[in-house]
Amino acid sequence: MFHVEPGTEMTDQAAMPTESEPPAAAAVVFGNRLELARRYYTALAGAGVERGLIGPREVPRLWDRHILNCAVIGELIPQGATVVDVGSGAGLPGIPLAIARPDLRITLVEPLLRRTVFLAEFIEAAGLDITVVRGRAEQAGVKKEAGGADVVTSRAVAPLARLAGWSMPLIHDHGRMLALKGISAIEELERDRADLTKAGAGHAEVLECGVGVLETPTMVISAERLPRGERRKSRARNN
């Protein structure tokens, strides 16, 4: 796990702004771990804003647009899976996912020091079992440390074509990439489907999470890493 250097701890004052009451859906998604989700909200709204990880205008939308939007992708992930969150930033979607699904083994990959410091501080303070790796998904060291995962997640990191090139090498055969893409998901998948095939991905589809729980379901592009033999067949079909 990434270790915070002395003197960088998150202060109580920075981490404790006036809290917005979580919506009813939060109790459904987080259950008896809702208090941990509240603590994450408080960290994002306080230190997250002060350090430039979250824009001040996003604070009123933290629960619906960010925390719950991310947590519900746990619907798509098998029990006990290993998950790598690429370009985790302030911990989205990795931290809400870890709170909602403590059975998952989650690694956050983030290249910027100020973000990894924030992540490590919150993880330690909340007592979460999450690993933080500082680096870019395409770097050999990151692949060695975080590769072979069951699932790779991402949110607002890069266009789908580039994202597939970063994500697929971190997943074992038949593992899945889950990219949170919002309302552009269908259009982006059609545009970049050929690039997904080149990256070794197949069975790509747009899925909705949180239906019946969230007012606006989360749109996710899901794609499977194909074994080498299946990749050749997939490319031949698309040529």
Protein backbone atom coordinates (compact mmCIF):
# COMPACT_ATOMS: atom_id res chain seq x y z
CA MET A 1 0.00 0.00 0.00
CA PHE A 2 1.08 3.58 -0.67
CA HIS A 3 2.38 5.09 2.57
CA VAL A 4 1.76 8.71 3.55
CA GLU A 5 4.85 10.63 4.55
CA PRO A 6 4.84 12.26 7.99
CA GLY A 7 3.15 15.62 8.14
CA THR A 8 0.64 14.94 5.34
CA GLU A 9 -2.21 13.59 7.47
CA MET A 10 -5.71 14.85 6.74
CA THR A 11 -6.71 17.27 9.46
CA ASP A 12 -10.05 16.97 11.25
CA GLN A 13 -10.93 20.53 10.26
CA ALA A 14 -10.31 19.88 6.56
CA ALA A 15 -12.24 16.62 6.68
CA MET A 16 -15.33 17.83 8.52
CA PRO A 17 -17.50 20.26 6.55
CA THR A 18 -21.25 20.52 7.11
CA GLU A 19 -22.59 17.20 5.85
CA SER A 20 -25.40 16.82 3.34
CA GLU A 21 -27.88 14.17 4.45
CA PRO A 22 -27.50 11.07 2.23
CA PRO A 23 -30.49 10.15 0.06
CA ALA A 24 -32.57 7.09 0.90
CA ALA A 25 -30.80 5.10 -1.82
CA ALA A 26 -27.56 5.32 0.18
CA ALA A 27 -28.96 3.09 2.92
CA VAL A 28 -29.99 0.54 0.28
CA VAL A 29 -26.60 0.55 -1.44
CA PHE A 30 -24.31 0.70 1.62
CA GLY A 31 -26.42 -1.00 4.28
CA ASN A 32 -24.62 -1.18 7.62
CA ARG A 33 -21.57 0.51 6.08
CA LEU A 34 -23.43 3.77 5.44
CA GLU A 35 -21.33 5.53 8.10
CA LEU A 36 -18.19 4.80 6.06
CA ALA A 37 -19.87 6.29 3.01
CA ARG A 38 -20.72 9.39 5.09
CA ARG A 39 -17.06 9.70 6.07
CA TYR A 40 -16.04 9.50 2.42
CA TYR A 41 -18.57 12.20 1.52
CA THR A 42 -17.09 14.40 4.25
CA ALA A 43 -13.54 13.83 3.03
CA LEU A 44 -14.46 14.67 -0.58
CA ALA A 45 -16.44 17.78 0.41
CA GLY A 46 -13.64 18.99 2.70
CA ALA A 47 -10.07 17.97 1.89
CA GLY A 48 -11.08 16.84 -1.60
CA VAL A 49 -12.29 20.32 -2.52
CA GLU A 50 -9.45 22.12 -0.73
CA ARG A 51 -6.83 20.07 -2.58
CA GLY A 52 -8.49 20.47 -5.98
CA LEU A 53 -9.64 16.88 -6.38
CA ILE A 54 -13.32 17.80 -6.49
CA GLY A 55 -14.79 21.04 -7.84
CA PRO A 56 -16.80 23.08 -5.29
CA ARG A 57 -19.85 22.99 -7.57
CA GLU A 58 -19.87 19.20 -7.33
CA VAL A 59 -20.42 19.14 -3.57
CA PRO A 60 -24.26 19.30 -3.73
CA ARG A 61 -24.13 16.36 -6.20
CA LEU A 62 -21.59 14.18 -4.41
CA TRP A 63 -24.05 11.55 -3.24
CA ASP A 64 -26.06 11.05 -6.43
CA ARG A 65 -23.61 11.89 -9.20
CA HIS A 66 -20.44 10.50 -7.67
CA ILE A 67 -20.67 8.21 -4.64
CA LEU A 68 -23.84 6.25 -5.42
CA ASN A 69 -23.26 6.43 -9.16
CA CYS A 70 -20.01 4.53 -8.59
CA ALA A 71 -21.03 2.13 -5.84
CA VAL A 72 -23.81 0.45 -7.82
CA ILE A 73 -21.40 -1.05 -10.36
CA GLY A 74 -20.86 -3.70 -7.71
CA GLU A 75 -23.92 -5.35 -9.28
CA LEU A 76 -21.68 -6.40 -12.17
CA ILE A 77 -18.77 -7.80 -10.15
CA PRO A 78 -18.56 -11.38 -8.83
CA GLN A 79 -18.05 -12.22 -5.17
CA GLY A 80 -14.45 -11.95 -3.98
CA ALA A 81 -13.13 -10.53 -7.25
CA THR A 82 -9.87 -8.61 -7.61
CA VAL A 83 -10.54 -5.13 -8.97
CA VAL A 84 -8.12 -2.52 -10.33
CA ASP A 85 -9.45 1.05 -10.57
CA VAL A 86 -7.51 2.90 -13.29
CA GLY A 87 -7.02 6.67 -12.96
CA SER A 88 -8.75 6.61 -9.59
CA GLY A 89 -8.38 10.33 -8.89
CA ALA A 90 -10.24 11.04 -5.66
CA GLY A 91 -11.13 7.34 -5.38
CA LEU A 92 -14.02 7.10 -7.84
CA PRO A 93 -15.30 4.47 -8.40
CA GLY A 94 -12.90 2.37 -6.28
CA ILE A 95 -13.64 3.69 -2.78
CA PRO A 96 -17.47 3.68 -2.97
CA LEU A 97 -17.21 0.19 -4.47
CA ALA A 98 -14.97 -0.97 -1.61
CA ILE A 99 -17.41 0.44 0.96
CA ALA A 100 -20.42 -1.22 -0.65
CA ARG A 101 -18.60 -4.49 -1.38
CA PRO A 102 -16.05 -5.32 1.34
CA ASP A 103 -15.57 -8.79 -0.19
CA LEU A 104 -13.69 -7.27 -3.14
CA ARG A 105 -9.91 -6.89 -3.26
CA ILE A 106 -9.38 -3.43 -4.71
CA THR A 107 -6.30 -1.62 -6.00
CA LEU A 108 -6.42 2.07 -6.92
CA VAL A 109 -4.02 3.18 -9.66
CA GLU A 110 -3.32 6.93 -9.81
CA PRO A 111 -0.25 8.79 -11.14
CA LEU A 112 -0.51 12.10 -9.25
CA LEU A 113 1.12 12.36 -5.82
CA ARG A 114 -1.42 14.75 -4.26
CA ARG A 115 -4.21 12.36 -5.19
CA THR A 116 -2.46 9.25 -3.89
CA VAL A 117 -1.75 11.07 -0.61
CA PHE A 118 -5.45 11.90 -0.26
CA LEU A 119 -6.41 8.31 -1.06
CA ALA A 120 -3.95 6.80 1.40
CA GLU A 121 -5.00 9.19 4.15
CA PHE A 122 -8.67 8.37 3.79
CA ILE A 123 -8.11 4.61 3.45
CA GLU A 124 -6.00 4.54 6.61
CA ALA A 125 -8.42 6.72 8.58
CA ALA A 126 -11.44 4.64 7.50
CA GLY A 127 -9.71 1.31 8.07
CA LEU A 128 -10.38 0.09 4.53
CA ASP A 129 -8.39 -2.77 2.99
CA ILE A 130 -7.44 -1.08 -0.28
CA THR A 131 -4.07 -0.89 -2.03
CA VAL A 132 -2.92 2.35 -3.70
CA VAL A 133 -0.38 2.18 -6.52
CA ARG A 134 1.13 5.39 -7.80
CA GLY A 135 1.69 5.22 -11.54
CA ARG A 136 0.02 4.98 -14.94
CA ALA A 137 -1.84 1.89 -16.02
CA GLU A 138 0.40 1.40 -19.04
CA GLN A 139 3.66 1.38 -17.04
CA ALA A 140 5.46 -1.95 -16.63
CA GLY A 141 5.70 -1.57 -12.85
CA VAL A 142 1.96 -1.04 -12.53
CA LYS A 143 1.23 -4.02 -14.76
CA LYS A 144 3.51 -6.16 -12.61
CA GLU A 145 1.95 -5.00 -9.32
CA ALA A 146 -1.70 -4.80 -10.31
CA GLY A 147 -2.01 -7.07 -13.36
CA GLY A 148 -4.01 -10.29 -13.57
CA ALA A 149 -7.17 -8.73 -12.14
CA ASP A 150 -10.69 -10.06 -12.56
CA VAL A 151 -12.08 -6.59 -13.27
CA VAL A 152 -10.67 -3.19 -14.24
CA THR A 153 -12.85 -0.16 -13.55
CA SER A 154 -12.55 3.45 -14.67
CA ARG A 155 -14.53 6.67 -14.65
CA ALA A 156 -13.98 9.80 -16.74
CA VAL A 157 -10.39 8.80 -17.51
CA ALA A 158 -10.01 8.68 -21.32
CA PRO A 159 -11.83 7.91 -24.58
CA LEU A 160 -12.84 4.26 -24.82
CA ALA A 161 -10.26 3.31 -27.47
CA ARG A 162 -7.36 4.52 -25.34
CA LEU A 163 -8.91 3.16 -22.16
CA ALA A 164 -9.13 -0.34 -23.63
CA GLY A 165 -5.41 -0.24 -24.42
CA TRP A 166 -4.66 0.56 -20.77
CA SER A 167 -7.22 -1.74 -19.17
CA MET A 168 -6.98 -5.00 -21.11
CA PRO A 169 -3.32 -5.74 -20.17
CA LEU A 170 -4.32 -5.58 -16.48
CA ILE A 171 -7.07 -8.21 -16.81
CA HIS A 172 -6.67 -11.98 -17.07
CA ASP A 173 -8.40 -13.84 -19.92
CA HIS A 174 -12.19 -13.64 -19.56
CA GLY A 175 -11.83 -10.81 -17.05
CA ARG A 176 -13.84 -7.66 -17.70
CA MET A 177 -13.32 -3.95 -18.21
CA LEU A 178 -16.09 -1.82 -16.69
CA ALA A 179 -15.96 1.79 -17.89
CA LEU A 180 -18.43 4.29 -16.43
CA LYS A 181 -19.36 6.50 -19.37
CA GLY A 182 -22.69 8.23 -18.75
CA ILE A 183 -25.13 9.09 -21.52
CA SER A 184 -22.42 8.92 -24.20
CA ALA A 185 -21.84 5.19 -23.59
CA ILE A 186 -23.81 3.81 -26.56
CA GLU A 187 -22.37 6.33 -29.01
CA GLU A 188 -18.82 5.80 -27.73
CA LEU A 189 -19.06 2.02 -27.96
CA GLU A 190 -20.23 2.15 -31.57
CA ARG A 191 -17.50 4.61 -32.47
CA ASP A 192 -14.67 2.65 -30.85
CA ARG A 193 -15.81 -0.96 -31.21
CA ALA A 194 -13.06 -1.72 -33.75
CA ASP A 195 -10.42 -0.36 -31.36
CA LEU A 196 -11.77 -2.59 -28.60
CA THR A 197 -11.31 -5.58 -30.88
CA LYS A 198 -7.72 -4.55 -31.63
CA ALA A 199 -7.06 -4.27 -27.89
CA GLY A 200 -8.19 -7.87 -27.39
CA ALA A 201 -11.67 -7.13 -26.10
CA GLY A 202 -14.92 -8.78 -27.07
CA HIS A 203 -18.56 -9.17 -26.06
CA ALA A 204 -18.77 -5.42 -25.48
CA GLU A 205 -22.10 -4.02 -24.35
CA VAL A 206 -23.68 -1.11 -22.50
CA LEU A 207 -25.23 -2.03 -19.15
CA GLU A 208 -27.28 -0.08 -16.59
CA CYS A 209 -26.64 -0.35 -12.85
CA GLY A 210 -28.80 0.83 -9.98
CA VAL A 211 -32.09 0.46 -11.85
CA GLY A 212 -34.92 0.88 -9.37
CA VAL A 213 -32.51 2.27 -6.76
CA LEU A 214 -31.05 5.41 -8.33
CA GLU A 215 -33.09 8.09 -10.03
CA THR A 216 -30.61 7.99 -12.93
CA PRO A 217 -29.02 4.55 -13.45
CA THR A 218 -25.29 4.31 -14.06
CA MET A 219 -24.27 3.57 -17.66
CA VAL A 220 -21.33 1.19 -17.98
CA ILE A 221 -19.47 -0.18 -20.99
CA SER A 222 -18.54 -3.78 -20.25
CA ALA A 223 -16.01 -5.69 -22.37
CA GLU A 224 -14.34 -9.07 -21.86
CA ARG A 225 -10.66 -9.79 -22.42
CA LEU A 226 -10.59 -12.59 -24.99
CA PRO A 227 -7.98 -15.37 -24.99
CA ARG A 228 -5.48 -15.09 -27.82
CA GLY A 229 -7.20 -17.63 -30.07
CA GLU A 230 -10.58 -15.94 -29.73
CA ARG A 231 -9.02 -12.56 -30.46
CA ARG A 232 -7.89 -13.75 -33.89
CA LYS A 233 -11.37 -15.03 -34.70
CA SER A 234 -12.92 -11.79 -33.49
CA ARG A 235 -10.60 -9.69 -35.65
CA ALA A 236 -11.30 -11.88 -38.67
CA ARG A 237 -15.05 -11.40 -38.22
CA ASN A 238 -14.62 -7.64 -38.10
CA ASN A 239 -12.38 -7.39 -41.18
